[in-house]
């Protein structure tokens, strides 16, 4: 598991891998979509994401066909 992943790093990774930012609504959360997979990032609070949040995102990416170890390595 990566030690610390911040929102900006994850947002850059998502856009580099073909995810598109969905226009915002009334919440401050940011949503990225690619081929039916939607990843939601908090838009408030500390910049560093919790280990739990990163693990959930990695599981979603893995179920969509991304390699778990490659994602961890690129984010770490």
Protein backbone atom coordinates (compact mmCIF):
# COMPACT_ATOMS: atom_id res chain seq x y z
CA UNK A 1 0.00 0.00 0.00
CA UNK A 2 1.38 3.43 -0.84
CA UNK A 3 2.50 5.39 2.22
CA UNK A 4 0.69 8.61 1.36
CA UNK A 5 -1.31 9.45 -1.72
CA UNK A 6 -2.68 12.95 -2.08
CA UNK A 7 -5.66 14.02 -4.15
CA UNK A 8 -3.59 15.83 -6.78
CA UNK A 9 -1.40 12.79 -7.43
CA UNK A 10 -4.43 10.54 -7.81
CA UNK A 11 -6.23 13.08 -10.02
CA UNK A 12 -3.18 13.29 -12.30
CA UNK A 13 -2.95 9.49 -12.45
CA UNK A 14 -6.63 9.21 -13.35
CA UNK A 15 -6.44 11.80 -16.14
CA UNK A 16 -3.23 10.21 -17.48
CA UNK A 17 -5.10 6.90 -17.74
CA UNK A 18 -8.11 8.20 -19.66
CA UNK A 19 -10.49 9.24 -16.90
CA UNK A 20 -12.51 12.40 -17.48
CA UNK A 21 -13.65 14.84 -14.80
CA UNK A 22 -17.44 14.99 -14.57
CA UNK A 23 -18.79 18.54 -14.24
CA UNK A 24 -19.37 19.39 -10.59
CA UNK A 25 -22.69 19.50 -8.84
CA UNK A 26 -23.50 20.97 -5.46
CA UNK A 27 -21.00 18.82 -3.55
CA UNK A 28 -17.30 19.52 -3.43
CA UNK A 29 -16.46 15.92 -4.36
CA UNK A 30 -14.75 15.36 -7.71
CA UNK A 31 -15.86 12.49 -9.91
CA UNK A 32 -13.83 10.90 -12.70
CA UNK A 33 -15.37 8.53 -15.23
CA UNK A 34 -13.96 6.06 -17.74
CA UNK A 35 -15.96 3.35 -19.52
CA UNK A 36 -18.67 3.22 -16.87
CA UNK A 37 -16.30 3.24 -13.88
CA UNK A 38 -16.77 6.27 -11.62
CA UNK A 39 -14.12 7.23 -9.06
CA UNK A 40 -15.10 9.82 -6.46
CA UNK A 41 -12.49 11.86 -4.63
CA UNK A 42 -13.24 14.10 -1.66
CA UNK A 43 -12.97 17.78 -2.47
CA UNK A 44 -12.50 18.95 1.10
CA UNK A 45 -10.45 18.07 4.15
CA UNK A 46 -6.78 17.10 4.16
CA UNK A 47 -4.98 16.67 0.83
CA UNK A 48 -3.73 13.21 1.82
CA UNK A 49 -6.23 10.43 1.20
CA UNK A 50 -6.74 7.79 3.86
CA UNK A 51 -5.34 4.30 3.34
CA UNK A 52 -8.91 3.00 3.33
CA UNK A 53 -9.96 5.37 0.54
CA UNK A 54 -6.91 4.50 -1.57
CA UNK A 55 -7.53 0.77 -1.05
CA UNK A 56 -11.17 1.14 -2.15
CA UNK A 57 -10.12 3.01 -5.30
CA UNK A 58 -7.46 0.42 -6.13
CA UNK A 59 -10.04 -2.38 -5.73
CA UNK A 60 -12.39 -0.55 -8.10
CA UNK A 61 -9.61 -0.08 -10.63
CA UNK A 62 -8.60 -3.74 -10.34
CA UNK A 63 -12.17 -4.90 -10.97
CA UNK A 64 -12.15 -2.73 -14.09
CA UNK A 65 -9.04 -4.42 -15.49
CA UNK A 66 -6.11 -2.46 -14.07
CA UNK A 67 -3.27 -4.40 -12.48
CA UNK A 68 -3.25 -3.84 -8.71
CA UNK A 69 0.54 -3.88 -8.31
CA UNK A 70 1.09 -1.54 -11.25
CA UNK A 71 -1.39 0.98 -9.84
CA UNK A 72 0.24 0.80 -6.38
CA UNK A 73 3.70 1.26 -7.86
CA UNK A 74 2.63 4.24 -9.99
CA UNK A 75 0.87 5.94 -7.08
CA UNK A 76 3.64 5.23 -4.58
